[in-house]
Amino acid sequence: MRIAIAGKGGVGKTTISGTICRVLGKKGGKVLAIDGDPNPNLSTVLGIDKDAALPPSLSTDIIERIEEGEGKWRFQVKMPFPEILGTYGQAAPDNITLLVVGKPEQAGTGCMCGSHTVVRELIHSALSSENNASMVVDTEASLEHMKRGTSKHVDKMYTVLEPYYRSLEAAGRFAEMARELGIEHVEAIANKVRNEEEEQAIREYCKKINLPIAVIIPFDDNVRDADLKGMSVMDFDENSKVVKSIEAFVEGMM
């Protein structure tokens, strides 16, 4: 299972990505978590110590351009996938391995085109490897990765939305572009829902744009409190509303 979590900034995409990884890991399988955001912070949500050093960030050094003749070419990962995991992976709780992609080395170094290519080819490489891990990609909080086809090789994409119009509108754009990439399974994750009125507004909008809703996650103060302590919400309170909602979502996804 290879899934990507998309959405505009601030909707809770990283919290959801990390908690999905932890729930999958607790079920006993290996999990590969890919942090594709230029401002990586998935490690804390996964339960890695906030003071621990991050692993080396994956760069274009791991890919090569292959000429195919008649002016055609393609990129491919030039390292065996187990070597990538051994060199760049960071162990996280519950049998999770984290790969960090996309962190800029410094300001003023140009666009993130190379990072998008790395994520795309990394997913492709993982699909053809013998690594039987589930994969969760926490994507960049913009439409840029959609335009560059970063997540085109995943099985499913979930677009995270909140109960306000700009978030709903953005989720619709993410879903539309995901379908254009050929991703067959595209659904919404409604997050931070406080009451029936907000839930109804989300359901009406998603019905209008033909976007199925995978799960409704209620607003949960535990997410904020865990973040203030630099902790995973799973470790802060494993019985919190957000954790229980994601556990039920993962159970239905498998």
C-alpha atoms as a PDB file:
ATOM      1  CA  MET A   1       0.000   0.000   0.000  1.00  0.00           C
ATOM      2  CA  ARG A   2       1.439   3.333  -1.099  1.00  0.00           C
ATOM      3  CA  ILE A   3      -0.477   6.462  -0.074  1.00  0.00           C
ATOM      4  CA  ALA A   4       0.139  10.195  -0.304  1.00  0.00           C
ATOM      5  CA  ILE A   5      -1.321  12.794   2.059  1.00  0.00           C
ATOM      6  CA  ALA A   6      -1.885  16.190   0.416  1.00  0.00           C
ATOM      7  CA  GLY A   7      -3.417  19.493   1.452  1.00  0.00           C
ATOM      8  CA  LYS A   8      -2.831  23.178   1.954  1.00  0.00           C
ATOM      9  CA  GLY A   9      -0.706  24.445   4.815  1.00  0.00           C
ATOM     10  CA  GLY A  10      -2.093  24.233   8.337  1.00  0.00           C
ATOM     11  CA  VAL A  11      -4.785  21.616   7.765  1.00  0.00           C
ATOM     12  CA  GLY A  12      -3.021  18.955   9.865  1.00  0.00           C
ATOM     13  CA  LYS A  13      -1.499  16.980   7.012  1.00  0.00           C
ATOM     14  CA  THR A  14       1.695  16.058   8.863  1.00  0.00           C
ATOM     15  CA  THR A  15      -0.096  15.066  12.073  1.00  0.00           C
ATOM     16  CA  ILE A  16      -2.353  12.783  10.069  1.00  0.00           C
ATOM     17  CA  SER A  17       0.528  11.334   8.015  1.00  0.00           C
ATOM     18  CA  GLY A  18       2.600  10.539  11.098  1.00  0.00           C
ATOM     19  CA  THR A  19      -0.286   9.076  13.052  1.00  0.00           C
ATOM     20  CA  ILE A  20      -1.266   6.846  10.121  1.00  0.00           C
ATOM     21  CA  CYS A  21       2.324   5.570  10.083  1.00  0.00           C
ATOM     22  CA  ARG A  22       2.246   4.832  13.809  1.00  0.00           C
ATOM     23  CA  VAL A  23      -1.091   3.008  13.576  1.00  0.00           C
ATOM     24  CA  LEU A  24       0.135   0.928  10.627  1.00  0.00           C
ATOM     25  CA  GLY A  25       3.370   0.149  12.457  1.00  0.00           C
ATOM     26  CA  LYS A  26       1.557  -1.001  15.583  1.00  0.00           C
ATOM     27  CA  LYS A  27      -0.207  -3.584  13.439  1.00  0.00           C
ATOM     28  CA  GLY A  28       3.151  -5.275  12.935  1.00  0.00           C
ATOM     29  CA  GLY A  29       4.124  -4.387   9.383  1.00  0.00           C
ATOM     30  CA  LYS A  30       7.083  -2.334   8.226  1.00  0.00           C
ATOM     31  CA  VAL A  31       6.296   1.279   7.375  1.00  0.00           C
ATOM     32  CA  LEU A  32       8.246   3.710   5.212  1.00  0.00           C
ATOM     33  CA  ALA A  33       7.493   7.367   5.966  1.00  0.00           C
ATOM     34  CA  ILE A  34       8.650   9.907   3.371  1.00  0.00           C
ATOM     35  CA  ASP A  35       8.783  13.557   4.407  1.00  0.00           C
ATOM     36  CA  GLY A  36       8.546  15.452   1.133  1.00  0.00           C
ATOM     37  CA  ASP A  37       7.997  18.902   2.644  1.00  0.00           C
ATOM     38  CA  PRO A  38      10.769  21.530   2.259  1.00  0.00           C
ATOM     39  CA  ASN A  39      10.172  22.318   5.948  1.00  0.00           C
ATOM     40  CA  PRO A  40      10.400  18.770   7.314  1.00  0.00           C
ATOM     41  CA  ASN A  41       8.774  18.056  10.688  1.00  0.00           C
ATOM     42  CA  LEU A  42       7.323  14.587  10.275  1.00  0.00           C
ATOM     43  CA  SER A  43       9.983  13.142  12.611  1.00  0.00           C
ATOM     44  CA  THR A  44       8.429  14.620  15.761  1.00  0.00           C
ATOM     45  CA  VAL A  45       4.949  13.367  14.836  1.00  0.00           C
ATOM     46  CA  LEU A  46       6.451   9.900  14.344  1.00  0.00           C
ATOM     47  CA  GLY A  47       7.790   9.961  17.904  1.00  0.00           C
ATOM     48  CA  ILE A  48      11.468  10.609  17.164  1.00  0.00           C
ATOM     49  CA  ASP A  49      13.107  12.690  19.897  1.00  0.00           C
ATOM     50  CA  LYS A  50      12.800  16.359  18.948  1.00  0.00           C
ATOM     51  CA  ASP A  51      16.484  16.892  19.780  1.00  0.00           C
ATOM     52  CA  ALA A  52      17.699  13.982  17.653  1.00  0.00           C
ATOM     53  CA  ALA A  53      19.670  14.842  14.533  1.00  0.00           C
ATOM     54  CA  LEU A  54      17.833  14.289  11.279  1.00  0.00           C
ATOM     55  CA  PRO A  55      19.291  11.781   8.807  1.00  0.00           C
ATOM     56  CA  PRO A  56      20.953  13.059   5.635  1.00  0.00           C
ATOM     57  CA  SER A  57      18.365  14.629   3.343  1.00  0.00           C
ATOM     58  CA  LEU A  58      17.920  12.785   0.066  1.00  0.00           C
ATOM     59  CA  SER A  59      19.089  14.778  -2.924  1.00  0.00           C
ATOM     60  CA  THR A  60      19.425  14.483  -6.677  1.00  0.00           C
ATOM     61  CA  ASP A  61      22.669  12.549  -6.059  1.00  0.00           C
ATOM     62  CA  ILE A  62      20.587   9.352  -5.888  1.00  0.00           C
ATOM     63  CA  ILE A  63      19.035   9.722  -9.352  1.00  0.00           C
ATOM     64  CA  GLU A  64      20.429   9.637 -12.859  1.00  0.00           C
ATOM     65  CA  ARG A  65      19.167  10.648 -16.272  1.00  0.00           C
ATOM     66  CA  ILE A  66      18.837   7.802 -18.769  1.00  0.00           C
ATOM     67  CA  GLU A  67      18.866   8.612 -22.482  1.00  0.00           C
ATOM     68  CA  GLU A  68      16.436   6.439 -24.447  1.00  0.00           C
ATOM     69  CA  GLY A  69      17.155   7.681 -27.969  1.00  0.00           C
ATOM     70  CA  GLU A  70      15.241   9.914 -30.354  1.00  0.00           C
ATOM     71  CA  GLY A  71      15.502  12.792 -27.914  1.00  0.00           C
ATOM     72  CA  LYS A  72      13.711  10.889 -25.135  1.00  0.00           C
ATOM     73  CA  TRP A  73      15.021  10.404 -21.612  1.00  0.00           C
ATOM     74  CA  ARG A  74      13.892   9.491 -18.124  1.00  0.00           C
ATOM     75  CA  PHE A  75      15.135   9.611 -14.536  1.00  0.00           C
ATOM     76  CA  GLN A  76      15.760   6.595 -12.356  1.00  0.00           C
ATOM     77  CA  VAL A  77      17.160   5.912  -8.889  1.00  0.00           C
ATOM     78  CA  LYS A  78      20.733   4.680  -9.259  1.00  0.00           C
ATOM     79  CA  MET A  79      21.116   3.126  -5.786  1.00  0.00           C
ATOM     80  CA  PRO A  80      19.555  -0.169  -4.677  1.00  0.00           C
ATOM     81  CA  PHE A  81      16.591   0.609  -2.448  1.00  0.00           C
ATOM     82  CA  PRO A  82      17.997  -1.237   0.620  1.00  0.00           C
ATOM     83  CA  GLU A  83      21.130   0.917   0.305  1.00  0.00           C
ATOM     84  CA  ILE A  84      18.997   4.067   0.298  1.00  0.00           C
ATOM     85  CA  LEU A  85      17.269   2.930   3.489  1.00  0.00           C
ATOM     86  CA  GLY A  86      20.595   2.076   5.134  1.00  0.00           C
ATOM     87  CA  THR A  87      22.264   5.353   4.177  1.00  0.00           C
ATOM     88  CA  TYR A  88      19.451   7.857   4.554  1.00  0.00           C
ATOM     89  CA  GLY A  89      16.832   6.152   6.729  1.00  0.00           C
ATOM     90  CA  GLN A  90      16.121   7.034  10.353  1.00  0.00           C
ATOM     91  CA  ALA A  91      14.479   4.533  12.679  1.00  0.00           C
ATOM     92  CA  ALA A  92      11.256   5.623  14.362  1.00  0.00           C
ATOM     93  CA  PRO A  93       8.989   3.813  16.852  1.00  0.00           C
ATOM     94  CA  ASP A  94       6.720   0.973  15.743  1.00  0.00           C
ATOM     95  CA  ASN A  95       8.925  -0.396  12.955  1.00  0.00           C
ATOM     96  CA  ILE A  96       8.923   2.842  10.933  1.00  0.00           C
ATOM     97  CA  THR A  97      11.763   4.132   8.778  1.00  0.00           C
ATOM     98  CA  LEU A  98      11.820   7.837   7.916  1.00  0.00           C
ATOM     99  CA  LEU A  99      13.298   9.281   4.738  1.00  0.00           C
ATOM    100  CA  VAL A 100      13.594  13.070   4.528  1.00  0.00           C
ATOM    101  CA  VAL A 101      13.428  14.596   1.046  1.00  0.00           C
ATOM    102  CA  GLY A 102      13.315  18.183  -0.021  1.00  0.00           C
ATOM    103  CA  LYS A 103      15.002  20.116   2.757  1.00  0.00           C
ATOM    104  CA  PRO A 104      16.787  23.062   1.070  1.00  0.00           C
ATOM    105  CA  GLU A 105      20.448  23.371   1.917  1.00  0.00           C
ATOM    106  CA  GLN A 106      20.240  27.144   2.265  1.00  0.00           C
ATOM    107  CA  ALA A 107      18.239  30.167   1.178  1.00  0.00           C
ATOM    108  CA  GLY A 108      18.504  31.414  -2.386  1.00  0.00           C
ATOM    109  CA  THR A 109      19.341  28.041  -3.936  1.00  0.00           C
ATOM    110  CA  GLY A 110      16.503  28.046  -6.446  1.00  0.00           C
ATOM    111  CA  CYS A 111      13.398  25.928  -6.979  1.00  0.00           C
ATOM    112  CA  MET A 112      12.661  22.506  -5.496  1.00  0.00           C
ATOM    113  CA  CYS A 113      12.337  20.769  -8.882  1.00  0.00           C
ATOM    114  CA  GLY A 114      15.039  18.232  -8.085  1.00  0.00           C
ATOM    115  CA  SER A 115      13.400  17.255  -4.803  1.00  0.00           C
ATOM    116  CA  HIS A 116      10.093  16.581  -6.532  1.00  0.00           C
ATOM    117  CA  THR A 117      11.884  14.319  -9.000  1.00  0.00           C
ATOM    118  CA  VAL A 118      13.626  12.480  -6.166  1.00  0.00           C
ATOM    119  CA  VAL A 119      10.340  11.766  -4.364  1.00  0.00           C
ATOM    120  CA  ARG A 120       8.640  10.595  -7.552  1.00  0.00           C
ATOM    121  CA  GLU A 121      11.455   8.242  -8.527  1.00  0.00           C
ATOM    122  CA  LEU A 122      11.911   7.067  -4.950  1.00  0.00           C
ATOM    123  CA  ILE A 123       8.278   5.938  -4.833  1.00  0.00           C
ATOM    124  CA  HIS A 124       8.718   4.229  -8.199  1.00  0.00           C
ATOM    125  CA  SER A 125      11.849   2.475  -6.940  1.00  0.00           C
ATOM    126  CA  ALA A 126      10.105   1.345  -3.758  1.00  0.00           C
ATOM    127  CA  LEU A 127       7.270  -0.134  -5.801  1.00  0.00           C
ATOM    128  CA  SER A 128       9.679  -2.368  -7.678  1.00  0.00           C
ATOM    129  CA  SER A 129      11.869  -3.304  -4.701  1.00  0.00           C
ATOM    130  CA  GLU A 130      11.519  -6.290  -2.415  1.00  0.00           C
ATOM    131  CA  ASN A 131      10.774  -3.981   0.510  1.00  0.00           C
ATOM    132  CA  ASN A 132       7.291  -4.985   1.710  1.00  0.00           C
ATOM    133  CA  ALA A 133       6.682  -1.879   3.776  1.00  0.00           C
ATOM    134  CA  SER A 134       3.598   0.259   3.612  1.00  0.00           C
ATOM    135  CA  MET A 135       4.510   3.742   2.385  1.00  0.00           C
ATOM    136  CA  VAL A 136       3.087   7.072   3.527  1.00  0.00           C
ATOM    137  CA  VAL A 137       4.221  10.258   1.756  1.00  0.00           C
ATOM    138  CA  ASP A 138       3.705  13.569   3.568  1.00  0.00           C
ATOM    139  CA  THR A 139       3.706  15.928   0.599  1.00  0.00           C
ATOM    140  CA  GLU A 140       4.573  19.577   0.261  1.00  0.00           C
ATOM    141  CA  ALA A 141       1.836  21.981   1.367  1.00  0.00           C
ATOM    142  CA  SER A 142       1.195  23.392  -2.094  1.00  0.00           C
ATOM    143  CA  LEU A 143      -0.011  22.354  -5.538  1.00  0.00           C
ATOM    144  CA  GLU A 144       3.563  22.412  -6.855  1.00  0.00           C
ATOM    145  CA  HIS A 145       4.153  18.721  -6.189  1.00  0.00           C
ATOM    146  CA  MET A 146       0.958  17.906  -8.070  1.00  0.00           C
ATOM    147  CA  LYS A 147       2.058  19.875 -11.117  1.00  0.00           C
ATOM    148  CA  ARG A 148       5.369  18.007 -11.108  1.00  0.00           C
ATOM    149  CA  GLY A 149       3.787  14.577 -10.722  1.00  0.00           C
ATOM    150  CA  THR A 150       5.595  13.887  -7.455  1.00  0.00           C
ATOM    151  CA  SER A 151       3.013  11.361  -6.221  1.00  0.00           C
ATOM    152  CA  LYS A 152       2.012   9.768  -9.524  1.00  0.00           C
ATOM    153  CA  HIS A 153       3.113   6.261  -8.479  1.00  0.00           C
ATOM    154  CA  VAL A 154       1.041   5.988  -5.283  1.00  0.00           C
ATOM    155  CA  ASP A 155      -2.023   3.756  -4.974  1.00  0.00           C
ATOM    156  CA  LYS A 156      -4.168   6.283  -3.131  1.00  0.00           C
ATOM    157  CA  MET A 157      -4.158   9.980  -2.370  1.00  0.00           C
ATOM    158  CA  TYR A 158      -5.972  11.562   0.535  1.00  0.00           C
ATOM    159  CA  THR A 159      -6.473  15.310   0.482  1.00  0.00           C
ATOM    160  CA  VAL A 160      -6.850  16.807   3.961  1.00  0.00           C
ATOM    161  CA  LEU A 161      -9.341  19.599   4.442  1.00  0.00           C
ATOM    162  CA  GLU A 162     -10.769  21.748   7.205  1.00  0.00           C
ATOM    163  CA  PRO A 163     -14.307  23.164   7.516  1.00  0.00           C
ATOM    164  CA  TYR A 164     -13.748  26.510   5.830  1.00  0.00           C
ATOM    165  CA  TYR A 165     -14.150  27.498   2.204  1.00  0.00           C
ATOM    166  CA  ARG A 166     -10.527  28.094   1.162  1.00  0.00           C
ATOM    167  CA  SER A 167      -9.529  24.700   2.496  1.00  0.00           C
ATOM    168  CA  LEU A 168     -12.455  22.985   0.766  1.00  0.00           C
ATOM    169  CA  GLU A 169     -11.669  24.732  -2.501  1.00  0.00           C
ATOM    170  CA  ALA A 170      -7.992  23.748  -2.281  1.00  0.00           C
ATOM    171  CA  ALA A 171      -8.931  20.130  -1.563  1.00  0.00           C
ATOM    172  CA  GLY A 172     -10.991  20.104  -4.732  1.00  0.00           C
ATOM    173  CA  ARG A 173      -8.001  21.288  -6.758  1.00  0.00           C
ATOM    174  CA  PHE A 174      -5.724  18.660  -5.206  1.00  0.00           C
ATOM    175  CA  ALA A 175      -8.266  15.940  -6.017  1.00  0.00           C
ATOM    176  CA  GLU A 176      -8.737  17.102  -9.593  1.00  0.00           C
ATOM    177  CA  MET A 177      -4.998  17.148 -10.281  1.00  0.00           C
ATOM    178  CA  ALA A 178      -4.522  13.748  -8.623  1.00  0.00           C
ATOM    179  CA  ARG A 179      -7.045  12.261 -11.036  1.00  0.00           C
ATOM    180  CA  GLU A 180      -5.241  13.925 -13.937  1.00  0.00           C
ATOM    181  CA  LEU A 181      -2.073  12.109 -12.780  1.00  0.00           C
ATOM    182  CA  GLY A 182      -3.942   8.817 -13.087  1.00  0.00           C
ATOM    183  CA  ILE A 183      -4.333   8.166  -9.360  1.00  0.00           C
ATOM    184  CA  GLU A 184      -7.550   6.164  -9.290  1.00  0.00           C
ATOM    185  CA  HIS A 185      -8.330   6.324  -5.583  1.00  0.00           C
ATOM    186  CA  VAL A 186      -8.654   9.916  -4.367  1.00  0.00           C
ATOM    187  CA  GLU A 187     -10.561  10.721  -1.186  1.00  0.00           C
ATOM    188  CA  ALA A 188     -10.858  13.468   1.410  1.00  0.00           C
ATOM    189  CA  ILE A 189      -9.880  13.406   5.058  1.00  0.00           C
ATOM    190  CA  ALA A 190     -11.974  15.983   6.916  1.00  0.00           C
ATOM    191  CA  ASN A 191      -9.981  17.281   9.892  1.00  0.00           C
ATOM    192  CA  LYS A 192     -10.628  19.500  12.939  1.00  0.00           C
ATOM    193  CA  VAL A 193     -14.405  19.157  12.691  1.00  0.00           C
ATOM    194  CA  ARG A 194     -16.065  20.722  15.748  1.00  0.00           C
ATOM    195  CA  ASN A 195     -19.787  20.114  15.253  1.00  0.00           C
ATOM    196  CA  GLU A 196     -22.551  18.723  13.019  1.00  0.00           C
ATOM    197  CA  GLU A 197     -22.892  22.010  11.143  1.00  0.00           C
ATOM    198  CA  GLU A 198     -19.254  21.900  10.033  1.00  0.00           C
ATOM    199  CA  GLU A 199     -19.531  18.222   9.118  1.00  0.00           C
ATOM    200  CA  GLN A 200     -22.629  18.886   7.033  1.00  0.00           C
ATOM    201  CA  ALA A 201     -20.931  21.762   5.174  1.00  0.00           C
ATOM    202  CA  ILE A 202     -18.020  19.478   4.319  1.00  0.00           C
ATOM    203  CA  ARG A 203     -20.296  16.680   3.162  1.00  0.00           C
ATOM    204  CA  GLU A 204     -22.288  19.013   0.924  1.00  0.00           C
ATOM    205  CA  TYR A 205     -19.191  20.491  -0.698  1.00  0.00           C
ATOM    206  CA  CYS A 206     -17.531  17.114  -1.262  1.00  0.00           C
ATOM    207  CA  LYS A 207     -20.724  15.716  -2.750  1.00  0.00           C
ATOM    208  CA  LYS A 208     -20.885  18.672  -5.135  1.00  0.00           C
ATOM    209  CA  ILE A 209     -17.364  18.001  -6.445  1.00  0.00           C
ATOM    210  CA  ASN A 210     -17.725  14.193  -6.334  1.00  0.00           C
ATOM    211  CA  LEU A 211     -14.992  13.733  -3.710  1.00  0.00           C
ATOM    212  CA  PRO A 212     -15.609  10.782  -1.348  1.00  0.00           C
ATOM    213  CA  ILE A 213     -14.877  11.366   2.341  1.00  0.00           C
ATOM    214  CA  ALA A 214     -12.703   8.656   3.885  1.00  0.00           C
ATOM    215  CA  VAL A 215     -12.981   9.803   7.502  1.00  0.00           C
ATOM    216  CA  ILE A 216     -14.218  12.692   9.650  1.00  0.00           C
ATOM    217  CA  ILE A 217     -11.656  13.574  12.336  1.00  0.00           C
ATOM    218  CA  PRO A 218     -12.957  15.700  15.223  1.00  0.00           C
ATOM    219  CA  PHE A 219     -11.142  18.736  16.570  1.00  0.00           C
ATOM    220  CA  ASP A 220      -8.797  17.581  19.332  1.00  0.00           C
ATOM    221  CA  ASP A 221      -6.879  19.824  21.764  1.00  0.00           C
ATOM    222  CA  ASN A 222      -4.468  16.951  22.361  1.00  0.00           C
ATOM    223  CA  VAL A 223      -2.843  17.637  18.986  1.00  0.00           C
ATOM    224  CA  ARG A 224      -1.921  21.172  20.053  1.00  0.00           C
ATOM    225  CA  ASP A 225      -0.819  20.061  23.529  1.00  0.00           C
ATOM    226  CA  ALA A 226       1.382  17.297  22.117  1.00  0.00           C
ATOM    227  CA  ASP A 227       2.938  19.692  19.641  1.00  0.00           C
ATOM    228  CA  LEU A 228       3.781  22.181  22.396  1.00  0.00           C
ATOM    229  CA  LYS A 229       5.780  19.425  24.087  1.00  0.00           C
ATOM    230  CA  GLY A 230       7.393  18.308  20.822  1.00  0.00           C
ATOM    231  CA  MET A 231       5.699  14.922  21.067  1.00  0.00           C
ATOM    232  CA  SER A 232       3.729  12.581  18.886  1.00  0.00           C
ATOM    233  CA  VAL A 233       0.029  12.757  19.752  1.00  0.00           C
ATOM    234  CA  MET A 234       0.161   8.945  19.830  1.00  0.00           C
ATOM    235  CA  ASP A 235       2.655   9.104  22.717  1.00  0.00           C
ATOM    236  CA  PHE A 236       0.915  12.048  24.391  1.00  0.00           C
ATOM    237  CA  ASP A 237      -2.498  10.343  24.579  1.00  0.00           C
ATOM    238  CA  GLU A 238      -3.078   7.144  22.609  1.00  0.00           C
ATOM    239  CA  ASN A 239      -6.794   7.363  23.457  1.00  0.00           C
ATOM    240  CA  SER A 240      -7.252  10.865  22.073  1.00  0.00           C
ATOM    241  CA  LYS A 241     -10.060  11.503  19.589  1.00  0.00           C
ATOM    242  CA  VAL A 242      -7.708  12.035  16.657  1.00  0.00           C
ATOM    243  CA  VAL A 243      -5.828   8.773  17.308  1.00  0.00           C
ATOM    244  CA  LYS A 244      -9.038   6.764  17.656  1.00  0.00           C
ATOM    245  CA  SER A 245     -10.427   8.266  14.446  1.00  0.00           C
ATOM    246  CA  ILE A 246      -7.270   7.430  12.507  1.00  0.00           C
ATOM    247  CA  GLU A 247      -7.181   3.892  13.945  1.00  0.00           C
ATOM    248  CA  ALA A 248     -10.701   3.317  12.624  1.00  0.00           C
ATOM    249  CA  PHE A 249      -9.724   4.854   9.267  1.00  0.00           C
ATOM    250  CA  VAL A 250      -6.666   2.618   8.887  1.00  0.00           C
ATOM    251  CA  GLU A 251      -8.692  -0.462   9.834  1.00  0.00           C
ATOM    252  CA  GLY A 252     -11.143   0.312   7.052  1.00  0.00           C
ATOM    253  CA  MET A 253      -8.365   1.073   4.569  1.00  0.00           C
ATOM    254  CA  MET A 254      -6.683  -2.311   4.914  1.00  0.00           C
END
